[in-house]
């Protein structure tokens, strides 16, 4: 009886050891693949850093008349009525500041936090977007160009992953460990948009958003009665009242400081930063 017990115990130890060994091998394999992917992305990111992204061509083309979204189709019809001549559109947009998707390095070199032109309500005229590198797909360029087409006098900045970390290193080094601890790039992207709006203000828009009209009017982010603007969630029951895919604010608004503070406090719970936005707005 005692011998059988020892055998069972030994079998259990062997099985557990084998399980640990397999898990360790799988973890090492996944870590190796992750490191390879990171190295490849870093190489591509460095390669495309100096690239200039000109939005003029896609802006002149206008919205897609056959787009499945009816609002985009309406915008296409409206665009052709307002500016039917392509040469006229080209001439009108070619000298505007938003023509080139500016790098974060160029933006930070030429504009200080308080030197960006603003709307009457204090919202700076700058559009922030982020992508892992400046290597953009044609669809991304077309969608970014829609913001230039509708708001050509706005500065337009593309921040890559290196720029995001650098922004935190310069303004919130106390949160760098948290940023590097997030397992998913989308979590760092969420945290980026809160800090960039706190430091610079302006508009943040996800890369898959298409602009079909100027949102800087008084019935948009130019409203004199508000200083923080957020897009409504398509499904409030599931997603809460707001989402962080399209936002705007004045520079240095305490709302973003609060979001950053609470996100840092809750980092260990692995919540997505967007969760806190839903709490505050709901």
Protein backbone atom coordinates (compact mmCIF):
# COMPACT_ATOMS: atom_id res chain seq x y z
CA UNK A 1 0.00 0.00 0.00
CA UNK A 2 2.80 2.33 0.97
CA UNK A 3 4.65 1.47 -2.25
CA UNK A 4 1.63 2.27 -4.40
CA UNK A 5 1.32 5.65 -2.70
CA UNK A 6 4.96 6.43 -3.47
CA UNK A 7 4.45 5.44 -7.11
CA UNK A 8 1.43 7.72 -7.44
CA UNK A 9 3.34 10.57 -5.87
CA UNK A 10 6.28 9.98 -8.21
CA UNK A 11 3.96 9.89 -11.24
CA UNK A 12 2.38 13.16 -10.13
CA UNK A 13 5.79 14.81 -9.81
CA UNK A 14 6.80 13.55 -13.27
CA UNK A 15 3.57 14.82 -14.85
CA UNK A 16 3.86 18.21 -13.18
CA UNK A 17 7.51 18.50 -14.19
CA UNK A 18 6.66 17.57 -17.77
CA UNK A 19 3.84 20.12 -17.82
CA UNK A 20 6.13 22.86 -16.49
CA UNK A 21 8.77 21.95 -19.07
CA UNK A 22 6.28 22.10 -21.96
CA UNK A 23 4.88 25.43 -20.77
CA UNK A 24 8.40 26.82 -20.41
CA UNK A 25 9.29 25.73 -23.94
CA UNK A 26 6.12 27.26 -25.36
CA UNK A 27 6.74 30.49 -23.46
CA UNK A 28 10.31 30.63 -24.73
CA UNK A 29 9.13 30.00 -28.29
CA UNK A 30 6.47 32.72 -28.07
CA UNK A 31 8.95 35.14 -26.52
CA UNK A 32 11.40 34.41 -29.33
CA UNK A 33 8.73 35.11 -31.96
CA UNK A 34 7.75 38.30 -30.11
CA UNK A 35 11.35 39.52 -30.00
CA UNK A 36 11.75 38.80 -33.72
CA UNK A 37 8.59 40.75 -34.49
CA UNK A 38 9.73 43.67 -32.34
CA UNK A 39 13.11 43.73 -34.08
CA UNK A 40 11.45 43.67 -37.49
CA UNK A 41 9.03 46.45 -36.54
CA UNK A 42 11.88 48.57 -35.16
CA UNK A 43 13.77 48.16 -38.41
CA UNK A 44 10.75 49.17 -40.51
CA UNK A 45 9.96 52.07 -38.18
CA UNK A 46 13.50 53.44 -38.47
CA UNK A 47 13.42 52.97 -42.24
CA UNK A 48 10.21 54.99 -42.67
CA UNK A 49 10.88 57.74 -40.11
CA UNK A 50 12.21 60.23 -42.69
CA UNK A 51 9.43 59.50 -45.19
CA UNK A 52 7.20 62.39 -46.21
CA UNK A 53 3.48 61.65 -46.43
CA UNK A 54 1.71 64.01 -48.83
CA UNK A 55 -2.07 63.99 -48.44
CA UNK A 56 -2.85 66.33 -51.34
CA UNK A 57 -3.61 63.74 -54.03
CA UNK A 58 -6.11 61.81 -51.94
CA UNK A 59 -7.68 65.00 -50.60
CA UNK A 60 -8.30 66.31 -54.11
CA UNK A 61 -10.01 63.05 -55.12
CA UNK A 62 -12.67 63.57 -52.46
CA UNK A 63 -14.84 61.00 -50.66
CA UNK A 64 -15.75 57.72 -52.33
CA UNK A 65 -19.11 58.05 -54.16
CA UNK A 66 -19.68 54.30 -53.94
CA UNK A 67 -18.83 53.95 -50.26
CA UNK A 68 -21.23 51.68 -48.32
CA UNK A 69 -21.75 54.45 -45.75
CA UNK A 70 -24.56 56.84 -46.86
CA UNK A 71 -22.95 59.78 -45.04
CA UNK A 72 -19.75 59.36 -47.06
CA UNK A 73 -21.74 59.15 -50.32
CA UNK A 74 -23.61 62.34 -49.38
CA UNK A 75 -20.30 64.03 -48.59
CA UNK A 76 -18.96 62.98 -52.01
CA UNK A 77 -21.92 64.59 -53.79
CA UNK A 78 -21.59 67.72 -51.66
CA UNK A 79 -17.84 67.90 -52.31
CA UNK A 80 -18.26 67.78 -56.11
CA UNK A 81 -20.95 70.46 -56.01
CA UNK A 82 -18.79 72.77 -53.92
CA UNK A 83 -15.58 72.19 -55.87
CA UNK A 84 -16.30 70.48 -59.22
CA UNK A 85 -12.94 71.39 -60.75
CA UNK A 86 -10.00 69.19 -59.65
CA UNK A 87 -7.44 71.82 -60.64
CA UNK A 88 -9.27 74.32 -58.47
CA UNK A 89 -9.23 71.89 -55.54
CA UNK A 90 -5.52 71.29 -56.08
CA UNK A 91 -4.75 74.99 -56.13
CA UNK A 92 -6.89 75.61 -53.06
CA UNK A 93 -5.27 72.90 -50.93
CA UNK A 94 -1.67 72.75 -52.17
CA UNK A 95 -0.31 75.49 -49.87
CA UNK A 96 -2.24 74.55 -46.72
CA UNK A 97 -0.35 73.49 -43.58
CA UNK A 98 -2.21 70.19 -43.24
CA UNK A 99 -1.02 68.92 -46.62
CA UNK A 100 1.80 66.86 -45.13
CA UNK A 101 1.30 64.35 -42.35
CA UNK A 102 3.89 65.83 -40.04
CA UNK A 103 6.18 63.65 -37.95
CA UNK A 104 6.12 64.06 -34.18
CA UNK A 105 9.78 65.13 -34.23
CA UNK A 106 9.04 67.93 -36.70
CA UNK A 107 5.95 68.97 -34.77
CA UNK A 108 7.73 69.13 -31.43
CA UNK A 109 10.65 70.99 -32.96
CA UNK A 110 8.51 73.71 -34.55
CA UNK A 111 5.61 74.05 -32.10
CA UNK A 112 5.66 74.53 -28.36
CA UNK A 113 2.69 73.58 -26.23
CA UNK A 114 1.35 77.13 -26.15
CA UNK A 115 2.36 78.22 -29.68
CA UNK A 116 -0.27 76.31 -31.66
CA UNK A 117 -3.08 78.42 -33.18
CA UNK A 118 -6.40 77.83 -31.43
CA UNK A 119 -10.12 78.06 -32.05
CA UNK A 120 -11.97 80.83 -30.16
CA UNK A 121 -12.79 78.32 -27.41
CA UNK A 122 -9.12 77.49 -26.88
CA UNK A 123 -8.96 74.12 -28.65
CA UNK A 124 -5.61 74.03 -30.53
CA UNK A 125 -5.83 73.51 -34.28
CA UNK A 126 -3.86 70.28 -34.40
CA UNK A 127 -4.99 66.74 -35.30
CA UNK A 128 -3.13 63.87 -33.62
CA UNK A 129 -3.10 60.34 -34.99
CA UNK A 130 -0.95 57.35 -34.08
CA UNK A 131 0.30 54.26 -35.90
CA UNK A 132 3.10 51.83 -35.13
CA UNK A 133 5.23 53.40 -37.89
CA UNK A 134 5.05 55.87 -40.77
CA UNK A 135 4.61 52.93 -43.15
CA UNK A 136 0.94 53.46 -43.95
CA UNK A 137 -1.40 51.48 -46.15
CA UNK A 138 -3.11 53.34 -48.97
CA UNK A 139 -6.41 53.15 -47.08
CA UNK A 140 -4.82 54.85 -44.04
CA UNK A 141 -3.46 57.64 -46.20
CA UNK A 142 -6.84 58.14 -47.87
CA UNK A 143 -8.61 58.38 -44.53
CA UNK A 144 -5.99 60.74 -43.08
CA UNK A 145 -6.37 62.88 -46.19
CA UNK A 146 -10.07 63.29 -45.41
CA UNK A 147 -9.12 65.34 -42.34
CA UNK A 148 -6.88 67.53 -44.46
CA UNK A 149 -9.64 67.99 -47.04
CA UNK A 150 -12.16 69.13 -44.44
CA UNK A 151 -9.79 71.02 -42.12
CA UNK A 152 -6.83 72.11 -44.28
CA UNK A 153 -5.63 74.85 -41.93
CA UNK A 154 -5.04 72.43 -39.09
CA UNK A 155 -1.62 70.96 -38.27
CA UNK A 156 -1.74 67.19 -38.76
CA UNK A 157 0.67 64.95 -36.83
CA UNK A 158 1.36 61.21 -37.01
CA UNK A 159 2.98 59.74 -33.88
CA UNK A 160 4.66 56.33 -34.16
CA UNK A 161 5.39 53.90 -31.28
CA UNK A 162 8.80 55.45 -30.57
CA UNK A 163 7.23 58.91 -30.41
CA UNK A 164 4.65 57.67 -27.89
CA UNK A 165 7.31 56.36 -25.51
CA UNK A 166 9.39 59.51 -25.97
CA UNK A 167 6.39 61.69 -25.07
CA UNK A 168 5.96 59.75 -21.83
CA UNK A 169 9.69 59.86 -21.13
CA UNK A 170 9.67 63.66 -21.46
CA UNK A 171 6.41 64.49 -19.67
CA UNK A 172 5.46 61.51 -17.48
CA UNK A 173 8.55 59.38 -16.80
CA UNK A 174 6.79 58.08 -13.70
CA UNK A 175 4.40 56.20 -15.98
CA UNK A 176 7.00 54.66 -18.31
CA UNK A 177 7.05 51.37 -16.40
CA UNK A 178 3.28 51.17 -16.73
CA UNK A 179 3.45 51.90 -20.47
CA UNK A 180 6.09 49.24 -21.07
CA UNK A 181 4.14 46.80 -18.93
CA UNK A 182 1.03 46.80 -21.10
CA UNK A 183 0.93 43.58 -23.14
CA UNK A 184 -0.99 45.08 -26.08
CA UNK A 185 -0.09 47.98 -28.34
CA UNK A 186 -3.67 49.24 -28.26
CA UNK A 187 -3.33 49.87 -24.51
CA UNK A 188 -0.28 52.08 -25.06
CA UNK A 189 -2.19 53.79 -27.86
CA UNK A 190 -5.05 54.51 -25.46
CA UNK A 191 -2.69 56.03 -22.91
CA UNK A 192 -0.95 58.08 -25.61
CA UNK A 193 -4.09 59.91 -26.67
CA UNK A 194 -4.83 61.03 -23.12
CA UNK A 195 -1.34 62.43 -22.57
CA UNK A 196 -1.05 64.11 -25.97
CA UNK A 197 -4.37 65.89 -25.44
CA UNK A 198 -3.27 66.92 -21.96
CA UNK A 199 0.06 68.31 -23.16
CA UNK A 200 -0.93 69.80 -26.53
CA UNK A 201 -4.72 69.71 -26.77
CA UNK A 202 -6.40 69.56 -30.17
CA UNK A 203 -8.21 66.65 -31.83
CA UNK A 204 -7.34 62.97 -31.58
CA UNK A 205 -8.76 60.64 -34.25
CA UNK A 206 -8.24 56.91 -34.83
CA UNK A 207 -6.62 56.01 -38.15
CA UNK A 208 -9.77 54.30 -39.42
CA UNK A 209 -11.93 57.44 -39.02
CA UNK A 210 -12.98 59.38 -42.10
CA UNK A 211 -13.83 63.07 -41.83
CA UNK A 212 -16.74 64.15 -44.03
CA UNK A 213 -17.14 67.73 -42.81
CA UNK A 214 -15.35 70.36 -40.77
CA UNK A 215 -15.92 69.56 -37.07
CA UNK A 216 -14.37 72.79 -35.79
CA UNK A 217 -17.58 74.79 -36.11
CA UNK A 218 -19.60 75.98 -33.10
CA UNK A 219 -21.80 72.89 -33.30
CA UNK A 220 -18.67 70.74 -33.04
CA UNK A 221 -15.38 71.05 -31.20
CA UNK A 222 -15.55 74.81 -31.66
CA UNK A 223 -18.40 75.06 -29.16
CA UNK A 224 -17.88 77.91 -26.69
CA UNK A 225 -19.72 76.04 -23.94
CA UNK A 226 -17.43 72.99 -23.73
CA UNK A 227 -13.72 72.29 -23.38
CA UNK A 228 -13.65 68.46 -23.71
CA UNK A 229 -15.33 66.57 -26.54
CA UNK A 230 -15.77 62.83 -27.01
CA UNK A 231 -17.52 60.69 -29.61
CA UNK A 232 -20.60 58.79 -28.57
CA UNK A 233 -20.48 55.00 -28.41
CA UNK A 234 -22.51 53.15 -31.08
CA UNK A 235 -23.89 50.76 -28.44
CA UNK A 236 -24.24 52.63 -25.09
CA UNK A 237 -25.56 49.55 -23.29
CA UNK A 238 -22.36 47.59 -24.03
CA UNK A 239 -19.77 50.35 -24.45
CA UNK A 240 -21.01 53.10 -22.15
CA UNK A 241 -21.89 56.60 -23.30
CA UNK A 242 -18.56 57.54 -24.91
CA UNK A 243 -15.54 56.05 -26.61
CA UNK A 244 -11.99 57.26 -27.02
CA UNK A 245 -11.68 56.95 -30.81
CA UNK A 246 -12.44 60.61 -31.55
CA UNK A 247 -11.77 63.24 -28.89
CA UNK A 248 -10.80 66.88 -28.54
CA UNK A 249 -9.98 69.34 -25.79
CA UNK A 250 -8.14 72.43 -24.72
CA UNK A 251 -4.53 72.07 -23.60
CA UNK A 252 -3.84 71.04 -20.01
CA UNK A 253 -7.41 70.07 -19.15
CA UNK A 254 -7.61 68.43 -15.68
CA UNK A 255 -9.88 65.69 -17.04
CA UNK A 256 -6.92 64.05 -18.80
CA UNK A 257 -4.72 64.40 -15.72
CA UNK A 258 -7.38 62.53 -13.78
CA UNK A 259 -7.66 59.80 -16.43
CA UNK A 260 -3.88 59.32 -16.40
CA UNK A 261 -3.79 59.23 -12.60
CA UNK A 262 -6.54 56.62 -12.26
CA UNK A 263 -5.09 54.53 -15.10
CA UNK A 264 -1.75 54.43 -13.30
CA UNK A 265 -3.41 53.36 -10.06
CA UNK A 266 -5.31 50.54 -11.76
CA UNK A 267 -2.49 49.32 -14.04
CA UNK A 268 -1.98 46.10 -12.09
CA UNK A 269 -5.55 45.01 -12.75
CA UNK A 270 -4.91 44.82 -16.51
CA UNK A 271 -7.90 47.04 -17.32
CA UNK A 272 -7.84 48.78 -20.66
CA UNK A 273 -7.42 52.57 -20.18
CA UNK A 274 -10.61 53.12 -22.19
CA UNK A 275 -12.50 51.57 -19.26
CA UNK A 276 -11.82 54.63 -17.12
CA UNK A 277 -13.14 57.00 -19.74
CA UNK A 278 -16.44 55.11 -19.67
CA UNK A 279 -16.57 55.38 -15.88
CA UNK A 280 -16.03 59.14 -15.87
CA UNK A 281 -18.50 59.90 -18.66
CA UNK A 282 -21.25 57.51 -17.54
